[in-house]
Structures are given as C-alpha cells and as structure tokens.
Amino acid sequence: MTIKNTLPPTKINLLLRGINLESTVCSLSDRHDEDEVHLFCDCDTNMQIWDKIRQWTNLQIPHWLIIDDIWLWVDGIPITSRQRTIIRVIVIATLLNIWRLHNSYVFKDSKFKKSHVFDSKVVLAFNWLYSRFCKSSINWTVWLQNPMNAL
C-alpha cells in the first residue's frame, strides 16, 4: 500500500505512517475513526457547518462519500462561472476552517471554537474574493445575505 504525502495528518493517516496513537477516534465527535472522509464529510459537527452553507447559498448540498465528491458537485452545479468561483472559495475556506477547528481540539487550543467556523469562513472567503475581484464591487451586505448574488 502506498501512502500519499498529500493526505491530511488525520489519526488514521498518522497510524498508516507508523505513528503510535492512543486512539484513532475523531477528536470532534468521539464516535468514528478519524480519516479525511469522516472529518470533512461525515462528522456530525461538520455536517452542521455544511448545512449552514446550504442555507446561506440556497444550494442543495449532497452528502459526500469521498472528498473528490465535493469537487464533482462544485463542477456539476448549473451556475455561472463567477458563481462557481464563489462556491470554490467557500468550499476551500470551509475545509480550512474545519481543519483549524480539528486542530483546536487536538492541541487543546481554545482560541478557535466551533462557533467561529462559519463566521470565520464567511469573512475569509469574502476577503479572498474581494482581493481577486477588486475591480468589481462585492457588496458585504449582499454577501452576507447570499454569496451567490455577490458578483
């Protein structure tokens, strides 16, 4: 079995790399083994985050079985190319903030909390898009209501 160096250092991936751990159970849910699919797609804590994104964007977000499903979904949504860019940035910001939340649990860092994930992602994605599309006006109020209408 070949292990990719690009796999995130979840507990299962660390175990596959020969690192001894006390437990492979998810740091966020304490129920399932922590691999990248569970962490980013299946974890109850993070399912709530994806549900908030569904409500915010008015898009149907399916239950993903593997990480690649996220990108297949993004590429398959019938939206404009600018809206697809918005969704890609939102997904990347979400994955980053899920990882930050995970690390706050693993390393007992109380600075980043579950309640911060959604708000932090909203601000991070807005700032990334604002810096990329500075010539077009991205309205913060419109962004907060529905990012799909922001560009």
N, C-alpha and C. Protein backbone atom coordinates (compact mmCIF):
# COMPACT_ATOMS: atom_id res chain seq x y z
N MET A 1 0.84 -1.17 0.00
CA MET A 1 0.00 0.00 0.00
C MET A 1 0.89 1.24 0.00
N THR A 2 0.64 2.16 -0.91
CA THR A 2 1.38 3.41 -0.99
C THR A 2 0.58 4.50 -0.31
N ILE A 3 1.24 5.27 0.51
CA ILE A 3 0.57 6.37 1.21
C ILE A 3 0.99 7.67 0.56
N LYS A 4 0.01 8.46 0.16
CA LYS A 4 0.30 9.76 -0.44
C LYS A 4 0.76 10.73 0.64
N ASN A 5 1.72 11.55 0.31
CA ASN A 5 2.16 12.58 1.24
C ASN A 5 1.16 13.71 1.35
N THR A 6 0.20 13.76 0.44
CA THR A 6 -0.76 14.85 0.44
C THR A 6 -1.95 14.60 1.35
N LEU A 7 -2.06 13.40 1.90
CA LEU A 7 -3.18 13.12 2.79
C LEU A 7 -3.02 13.92 4.08
N PRO A 8 -4.11 14.51 4.57
CA PRO A 8 -4.00 15.28 5.81
C PRO A 8 -3.64 14.37 6.97
N PRO A 9 -2.92 14.90 7.94
CA PRO A 9 -2.50 14.05 9.05
C PRO A 9 -3.62 13.76 10.05
N THR A 10 -4.67 13.12 9.54
CA THR A 10 -5.73 12.65 10.43
C THR A 10 -5.17 11.47 11.22
N LYS A 11 -5.89 11.03 12.22
CA LYS A 11 -5.38 9.94 13.07
C LYS A 11 -5.15 8.65 12.30
N ILE A 12 -6.06 8.32 11.38
CA ILE A 12 -5.89 7.09 10.58
C ILE A 12 -4.66 7.22 9.68
N ASN A 13 -4.47 8.37 9.05
CA ASN A 13 -3.30 8.57 8.19
C ASN A 13 -2.00 8.55 8.98
N LEU A 14 -2.01 9.09 10.19
CA LEU A 14 -0.83 9.02 11.05
C LEU A 14 -0.53 7.57 11.43
N LEU A 15 -1.57 6.81 11.73
CA LEU A 15 -1.40 5.40 12.05
C LEU A 15 -0.80 4.64 10.87
N LEU A 16 -1.28 4.93 9.65
CA LEU A 16 -0.75 4.29 8.45
C LEU A 16 0.71 4.66 8.20
N ARG A 17 1.13 5.79 8.73
CA ARG A 17 2.53 6.23 8.60
C ARG A 17 3.42 5.65 9.71
N GLY A 18 2.82 4.81 10.57
CA GLY A 18 3.60 4.16 11.61
C GLY A 18 3.70 4.92 12.91
N ILE A 19 2.89 5.93 13.09
CA ILE A 19 2.92 6.73 14.32
C ILE A 19 1.94 6.11 15.32
N ASN A 20 2.43 5.83 16.51
CA ASN A 20 1.59 5.24 17.55
C ASN A 20 0.70 6.30 18.17
N LEU A 21 -0.57 5.97 18.30
CA LEU A 21 -1.54 6.89 18.88
C LEU A 21 -2.31 6.18 19.98
N GLU A 22 -2.80 6.97 20.93
CA GLU A 22 -3.64 6.39 21.98
C GLU A 22 -4.98 5.93 21.41
N SER A 23 -5.49 6.69 20.44
CA SER A 23 -6.80 6.39 19.87
C SER A 23 -6.87 6.94 18.45
N THR A 24 -7.70 6.31 17.63
CA THR A 24 -7.94 6.82 16.28
C THR A 24 -9.31 7.46 16.16
N VAL A 25 -10.00 7.62 17.28
CA VAL A 25 -11.35 8.18 17.29
C VAL A 25 -11.28 9.68 17.00
N CYS A 26 -12.26 10.17 16.24
CA CYS A 26 -12.34 11.58 15.85
C CYS A 26 -12.29 12.50 17.06
N SER A 27 -11.47 13.52 16.97
CA SER A 27 -11.32 14.48 18.06
C SER A 27 -12.56 15.35 18.24
N LEU A 28 -13.36 15.49 17.19
CA LEU A 28 -14.54 16.35 17.25
C LEU A 28 -15.78 15.60 17.71
N SER A 29 -15.97 14.38 17.22
CA SER A 29 -17.22 13.67 17.51
C SER A 29 -17.08 12.56 18.53
N ASP A 30 -15.87 12.06 18.75
CA ASP A 30 -15.62 10.96 19.68
C ASP A 30 -16.43 9.70 19.34
N ARG A 31 -16.77 9.51 18.04
CA ARG A 31 -17.58 8.34 17.69
C ARG A 31 -16.95 7.47 16.61
N HIS A 32 -16.33 8.05 15.63
CA HIS A 32 -15.83 7.31 14.47
C HIS A 32 -14.32 7.48 14.35
N ASP A 33 -13.69 6.56 13.64
CA ASP A 33 -12.28 6.73 13.34
C ASP A 33 -12.09 8.00 12.52
N GLU A 34 -11.01 8.69 12.82
CA GLU A 34 -10.76 9.99 12.18
C GLU A 34 -9.93 9.80 10.91
N ASP A 35 -10.62 9.77 9.77
CA ASP A 35 -9.93 9.84 8.49
C ASP A 35 -10.46 11.07 7.77
N GLU A 36 -9.91 11.37 6.59
CA GLU A 36 -10.29 12.62 5.92
C GLU A 36 -11.76 12.64 5.50
N VAL A 37 -12.32 11.49 5.14
CA VAL A 37 -13.73 11.46 4.74
C VAL A 37 -14.62 11.76 5.95
N HIS A 38 -14.32 11.10 7.06
CA HIS A 38 -15.13 11.39 8.25
C HIS A 38 -14.98 12.85 8.66
N LEU A 39 -13.75 13.33 8.73
CA LEU A 39 -13.51 14.68 9.23
C LEU A 39 -14.20 15.74 8.38
N PHE A 40 -14.07 15.66 7.07
CA PHE A 40 -14.59 16.72 6.19
C PHE A 40 -16.01 16.47 5.69
N CYS A 41 -16.47 15.23 5.71
CA CYS A 41 -17.76 14.91 5.11
C CYS A 41 -18.79 14.34 6.08
N ASP A 42 -18.39 13.48 7.01
CA ASP A 42 -19.33 12.72 7.82
C ASP A 42 -19.49 13.18 9.26
N CYS A 43 -18.54 13.87 9.80
CA CYS A 43 -18.56 14.25 11.21
C CYS A 43 -19.80 15.10 11.50
N ASP A 44 -20.55 14.73 12.53
CA ASP A 44 -21.78 15.45 12.88
C ASP A 44 -21.52 16.94 13.09
N THR A 45 -20.43 17.26 13.73
CA THR A 45 -20.08 18.67 13.97
C THR A 45 -19.96 19.41 12.65
N ASN A 46 -19.29 18.82 11.69
CA ASN A 46 -19.05 19.50 10.42
C ASN A 46 -20.25 19.42 9.48
N MET A 47 -21.10 18.43 9.66
CA MET A 47 -22.34 18.38 8.87
C MET A 47 -23.19 19.62 9.16
N GLN A 48 -23.15 20.10 10.39
CA GLN A 48 -23.87 21.32 10.74
C GLN A 48 -23.31 22.53 9.99
N ILE A 49 -22.02 22.55 9.79
CA ILE A 49 -21.38 23.64 9.04
C ILE A 49 -21.83 23.60 7.60
N TRP A 50 -21.81 22.41 6.98
CA TRP A 50 -22.25 22.28 5.58
C TRP A 50 -23.73 22.65 5.46
N ASP A 51 -24.53 22.33 6.48
CA ASP A 51 -25.94 22.70 6.45
C ASP A 51 -26.12 24.22 6.49
N LYS A 52 -25.31 24.91 7.27
CA LYS A 52 -25.38 26.38 7.29
C LYS A 52 -25.00 26.96 5.93
N ILE A 53 -24.05 26.35 5.26
CA ILE A 53 -23.66 26.81 3.92
C ILE A 53 -24.82 26.60 2.95
N ARG A 54 -25.50 25.46 3.07
CA ARG A 54 -26.67 25.19 2.23
C ARG A 54 -27.71 26.29 2.43
N GLN A 55 -28.00 26.63 3.66
CA GLN A 55 -28.98 27.67 3.95
C GLN A 55 -28.52 29.04 3.43
N TRP A 56 -27.25 29.33 3.58
CA TRP A 56 -26.69 30.63 3.19
C TRP A 56 -26.67 30.81 1.68
N THR A 57 -26.35 29.75 0.95
CA THR A 57 -26.21 29.84 -0.51
C THR A 57 -27.47 29.44 -1.27
N ASN A 58 -28.43 28.83 -0.60
CA ASN A 58 -29.63 28.28 -1.24
C ASN A 58 -29.30 27.21 -2.27
N LEU A 59 -28.23 26.47 -2.03
CA LEU A 59 -27.84 25.37 -2.91
C LEU A 59 -28.08 24.04 -2.20
N GLN A 60 -28.47 23.04 -2.98
CA GLN A 60 -28.63 21.69 -2.43
C GLN A 60 -27.24 21.08 -2.30
N ILE A 61 -26.83 20.79 -1.09
CA ILE A 61 -25.53 20.19 -0.85
C ILE A 61 -25.76 18.73 -0.48
N PRO A 62 -25.25 17.82 -1.31
CA PRO A 62 -25.47 16.39 -1.05
C PRO A 62 -24.57 15.89 0.07
N HIS A 63 -24.82 14.67 0.50
CA HIS A 63 -23.93 14.01 1.45
C HIS A 63 -22.80 13.39 0.63
N TRP A 64 -21.58 13.82 0.90
CA TRP A 64 -20.43 13.33 0.15
C TRP A 64 -19.87 12.07 0.76
N LEU A 65 -19.47 11.14 -0.10
CA LEU A 65 -18.90 9.89 0.36
C LEU A 65 -17.38 9.91 0.36
N ILE A 66 -16.81 10.72 -0.52
CA ILE A 66 -15.36 10.90 -0.57
C ILE A 66 -15.08 12.37 -0.86
N ILE A 67 -13.88 12.80 -0.58
CA ILE A 67 -13.51 14.21 -0.75
C ILE A 67 -13.69 14.64 -2.21
N ASP A 68 -13.36 13.78 -3.15
CA ASP A 68 -13.49 14.13 -4.57
C ASP A 68 -14.93 14.47 -4.95
N ASP A 69 -15.91 13.92 -4.21
CA ASP A 69 -17.31 14.23 -4.48
C ASP A 69 -17.61 15.71 -4.32
N ILE A 70 -16.91 16.36 -3.41
CA ILE A 70 -17.12 17.80 -3.20
C ILE A 70 -16.83 18.54 -4.50
N TRP A 71 -15.70 18.23 -5.11
CA TRP A 71 -15.30 18.96 -6.33
C TRP A 71 -16.16 18.55 -7.53
N LEU A 72 -16.60 17.30 -7.58
CA LEU A 72 -17.52 16.89 -8.64
C LEU A 72 -18.84 17.65 -8.51
N TRP A 73 -19.30 17.84 -7.28
CA TRP A 73 -20.52 18.61 -7.03
C TRP A 73 -20.33 20.05 -7.49
N VAL A 74 -19.23 20.68 -7.09
CA VAL A 74 -18.96 22.08 -7.47
C VAL A 74 -18.95 22.22 -8.98
N ASP A 75 -18.29 21.30 -9.67
CA ASP A 75 -18.19 21.38 -11.13
C ASP A 75 -19.51 21.07 -11.83
N GLY A 76 -20.43 20.36 -11.14
CA GLY A 76 -21.68 19.96 -11.78
C GLY A 76 -22.88 20.85 -11.51
N ILE A 77 -22.73 21.85 -10.64
CA ILE A 77 -23.85 22.73 -10.33
C ILE A 77 -24.15 23.61 -11.54
N PRO A 78 -25.42 23.76 -11.93
CA PRO A 78 -25.75 24.63 -13.07
C PRO A 78 -25.77 26.11 -12.64
N ILE A 79 -24.56 26.70 -12.58
CA ILE A 79 -24.40 28.10 -12.18
C ILE A 79 -23.39 28.77 -13.11
N THR A 80 -23.28 30.08 -13.00
CA THR A 80 -22.33 30.82 -13.84
C THR A 80 -20.90 30.55 -13.38
N SER A 81 -19.94 30.89 -14.21
CA SER A 81 -18.54 30.66 -13.86
C SER A 81 -18.13 31.51 -12.65
N ARG A 82 -18.66 32.71 -12.53
CA ARG A 82 -18.35 33.55 -11.36
C ARG A 82 -18.94 32.93 -10.09
N GLN A 83 -20.15 32.40 -10.19
CA GLN A 83 -20.75 31.75 -9.03
C GLN A 83 -19.96 30.49 -8.66
N ARG A 84 -19.45 29.78 -9.67
CA ARG A 84 -18.64 28.59 -9.41
C ARG A 84 -17.36 28.99 -8.66
N THR A 85 -16.79 30.13 -9.03
CA THR A 85 -15.61 30.63 -8.32
C THR A 85 -15.97 30.92 -6.86
N ILE A 86 -17.12 31.53 -6.65
CA ILE A 86 -17.58 31.82 -5.28
C ILE A 86 -17.69 30.52 -4.48
N ILE A 87 -18.32 29.52 -5.06
CA ILE A 87 -18.51 28.25 -4.35
C ILE A 87 -17.18 27.58 -4.07
N ARG A 88 -16.26 27.61 -5.04
CA ARG A 88 -14.93 27.01 -4.81
C ARG A 88 -14.24 27.67 -3.63
N VAL A 89 -14.29 29.00 -3.59
CA VAL A 89 -13.65 29.72 -2.49
C VAL A 89 -14.33 29.40 -1.16
N ILE A 90 -15.65 29.33 -1.16
CA ILE A 90 -16.38 28.98 0.07
C ILE A 90 -16.01 27.59 0.53
N VAL A 91 -15.91 26.63 -0.40
CA VAL A 91 -15.55 25.25 -0.03
C VAL A 91 -14.13 25.21 0.53
N ILE A 92 -13.19 25.88 -0.12
CA ILE A 92 -11.81 25.89 0.36
C ILE A 92 -11.73 26.53 1.75
N ALA A 93 -12.41 27.66 1.93
CA ALA A 93 -12.42 28.32 3.24
C ALA A 93 -13.06 27.42 4.30
N THR A 94 -14.10 26.69 3.91
CA THR A 94 -14.76 25.78 4.85
C THR A 94 -13.84 24.64 5.25
N LEU A 95 -13.19 24.01 4.27
CA LEU A 95 -12.27 22.91 4.58
C LEU A 95 -11.13 23.40 5.47
N LEU A 96 -10.61 24.58 5.19
CA LEU A 96 -9.54 25.15 6.01
C LEU A 96 -10.02 25.38 7.44
N ASN A 97 -11.20 25.91 7.60
CA ASN A 97 -11.71 26.18 8.94
C ASN A 97 -12.12 24.92 9.69
N ILE A 98 -12.57 23.90 8.98
CA ILE A 98 -12.82 22.60 9.62
C ILE A 98 -11.50 22.06 10.16
N TRP A 99 -10.44 22.19 9.37
CA TRP A 99 -9.13 21.72 9.81
C TRP A 99 -8.64 22.53 11.02
N ARG A 100 -8.87 23.83 10.99
CA ARG A 100 -8.49 24.69 12.14
C ARG A 100 -9.27 24.26 13.39
N LEU A 101 -10.55 23.96 13.24
CA LEU A 101 -11.35 23.50 14.38
C LEU A 101 -10.81 22.18 14.90
N HIS A 102 -10.53 21.27 13.98
CA HIS A 102 -9.94 19.97 14.35
C HIS A 102 -8.67 20.18 15.16
N ASN A 103 -7.78 21.03 14.67
CA ASN A 103 -6.52 21.26 15.37
C ASN A 103 -6.72 21.91 16.73
N SER A 104 -7.75 22.75 16.85
CA SER A 104 -8.01 23.37 18.15
C SER A 104 -8.42 22.30 19.18
N TYR A 105 -9.11 21.25 18.73
CA TYR A 105 -9.48 20.16 19.63
C TYR A 105 -8.27 19.28 19.94
N VAL A 106 -7.50 18.95 18.91
CA VAL A 106 -6.35 18.07 19.08
C VAL A 106 -5.32 18.70 20.01
N PHE A 107 -5.04 19.99 19.80
CA PHE A 107 -3.98 20.66 20.55
C PHE A 107 -4.51 21.47 21.73
N LYS A 108 -5.78 21.25 22.07
CA LYS A 108 -6.40 21.91 23.23
C LYS A 108 -6.22 23.43 23.18
N ASP A 109 -6.45 23.99 22.00
CA ASP A 109 -6.34 25.43 21.80
C ASP A 109 -7.75 26.02 21.84
N SER A 110 -8.03 26.81 22.83
CA SER A 110 -9.39 27.34 22.99
C SER A 110 -9.65 28.60 22.16
N LYS A 111 -8.68 29.04 21.37
CA LYS A 111 -8.86 30.27 20.59
C LYS A 111 -9.84 30.09 19.43
N PHE A 112 -9.88 28.91 18.83
CA PHE A 112 -10.75 28.66 17.68
C PHE A 112 -11.83 27.68 18.11
N LYS A 113 -13.07 28.13 18.09
CA LYS A 113 -14.19 27.32 18.57
C LYS A 113 -15.14 26.96 17.43
N LYS A 114 -15.99 25.99 17.69
CA LYS A 114 -16.99 25.56 16.70
C LYS A 114 -17.82 26.75 16.22
N SER A 115 -18.16 27.64 17.13
CA SER A 115 -18.98 28.80 16.76
C SER A 115 -18.25 29.76 15.82
N HIS A 116 -16.93 29.65 15.75
CA HIS A 116 -16.15 30.53 14.87
C HIS A 116 -16.06 30.03 13.43
N VAL A 117 -16.30 28.75 13.21
CA VAL A 117 -16.05 28.15 11.90
C VAL A 117 -16.84 28.83 10.80
N PHE A 118 -18.13 28.98 10.99
CA PHE A 118 -18.96 29.54 9.93
C PHE A 118 -18.63 31.01 9.71
N ASP A 119 -18.58 31.80 10.77
CA ASP A 119 -18.31 33.24 10.63
C ASP A 119 -16.93 33.49 10.05
N SER A 120 -15.95 32.73 10.51
CA SER A 120 -14.59 32.89 10.01
C SER A 120 -14.51 32.56 8.52
N LYS A 121 -15.24 31.51 8.12
CA LYS A 121 -15.26 31.12 6.71
C LYS A 121 -15.90 32.20 5.85
N VAL A 122 -16.97 32.81 6.35
CA VAL A 122 -17.66 33.87 5.61
C VAL A 122 -16.71 35.04 5.36
N VAL A 123 -16.00 35.45 6.39
CA VAL A 123 -15.06 36.58 6.28
C VAL A 123 -13.88 36.21 5.40
N LEU A 124 -13.31 35.03 5.61
CA LEU A 124 -12.15 34.59 4.83
C LEU A 124 -12.49 34.50 3.34
N ALA A 125 -13.60 33.88 3.00
CA ALA A 125 -13.99 33.75 1.59
C ALA A 125 -14.25 35.13 0.98
N PHE A 126 -14.92 36.00 1.72
CA PHE A 126 -15.17 37.36 1.22
C PHE A 126 -13.85 38.08 0.93
N ASN A 127 -12.91 38.02 1.86
CA ASN A 127 -11.63 38.70 1.67
C ASN A 127 -10.86 38.14 0.48
N TRP A 128 -10.86 36.81 0.30
CA TRP A 128 -10.18 36.21 -0.85
C TRP A 128 -10.81 36.70 -2.15
N LEU A 129 -12.13 36.68 -2.22
CA LEU A 129 -12.81 37.10 -3.45
C LEU A 129 -12.66 38.60 -3.67
N TYR A 130 -12.74 39.38 -2.61
CA TYR A 130 -12.60 40.82 -2.74
C TYR A 130 -11.23 41.19 -3.29
N SER A 131 -10.19 40.49 -2.84
CA SER A 131 -8.85 40.78 -3.34
C SER A 131 -8.67 40.31 -4.78
N ARG A 132 -9.39 39.28 -5.18
CA ARG A 132 -9.28 38.77 -6.56
C ARG A 132 -10.11 39.61 -7.53
N PHE A 133 -11.28 40.04 -7.12
CA PHE A 133 -12.18 40.79 -7.98
C PHE A 133 -12.33 42.23 -7.51
N CYS A 134 -11.22 42.88 -7.21
CA CYS A 134 -11.29 44.22 -6.62
C CYS A 134 -11.92 45.24 -7.57
N LYS A 135 -11.88 45.00 -8.87
CA LYS A 135 -12.47 45.95 -9.80
C LYS A 135 -13.99 45.87 -9.83
N SER A 136 -14.52 44.71 -9.52
CA SER A 136 -15.97 44.62 -9.42
C SER A 136 -16.34 44.81 -7.96
N SER A 137 -17.46 45.38 -7.74
CA SER A 137 -17.83 45.67 -6.35
C SER A 137 -18.53 44.46 -5.74
N ILE A 138 -17.95 43.95 -4.69
CA ILE A 138 -18.57 42.89 -3.93
C ILE A 138 -19.16 43.55 -2.70
N ASN A 139 -20.46 43.53 -2.61
CA ASN A 139 -21.16 44.19 -1.53
C ASN A 139 -21.24 43.27 -0.32
N TRP A 140 -20.73 43.74 0.82
CA TRP A 140 -20.70 42.95 2.04
C TRP A 140 -22.11 42.53 2.48
N THR A 141 -23.05 43.44 2.40
CA THR A 141 -24.42 43.14 2.82
C THR A 141 -25.03 42.06 1.94
N VAL A 142 -24.83 42.17 0.63
CA VAL A 142 -25.33 41.14 -0.30
C VAL A 142 -24.62 39.82 -0.02
N TRP A 143 -23.31 39.88 0.22
CA TRP A 143 -22.52 38.69 0.54
C TRP A 143 -23.10 37.95 1.74
N LEU A 144 -23.44 38.69 2.77
CA LEU A 144 -23.98 38.07 3.98
C LEU A 144 -25.35 37.43 3.74
N GLN A 145 -26.15 38.05 2.86
CA GLN A 145 -27.48 37.53 2.58
C GLN A 145 -27.42 36.27 1.73
N ASN A 146 -26.67 36.34 0.63
CA ASN A 146 -26.50 35.19 -0.26
C ASN A 146 -25.29 35.45 -1.14
N PRO A 147 -24.20 34.74 -0.93
CA PRO A 147 -22.97 35.00 -1.69
C PRO A 147 -23.12 34.75 -3.18
N MET A 148 -24.10 33.95 -3.57
CA MET A 148 -24.29 33.66 -4.99
C MET A 148 -24.68 34.91 -5.77
N ASN A 149 -25.16 35.93 -5.09
CA ASN A 149 -25.55 37.18 -5.74
C ASN A 149 -24.50 38.28 -5.58
N ALA A 150 -23.36 37.95 -5.02
CA ALA A 150 -22.36 38.96 -4.65
C ALA A 150 -21.54 39.48 -5.82
N LEU A 151 -21.36 38.69 -6.87
CA LEU A 151 -20.54 39.13 -8.03
C LEU A 151 -21.43 39.42 -9.21
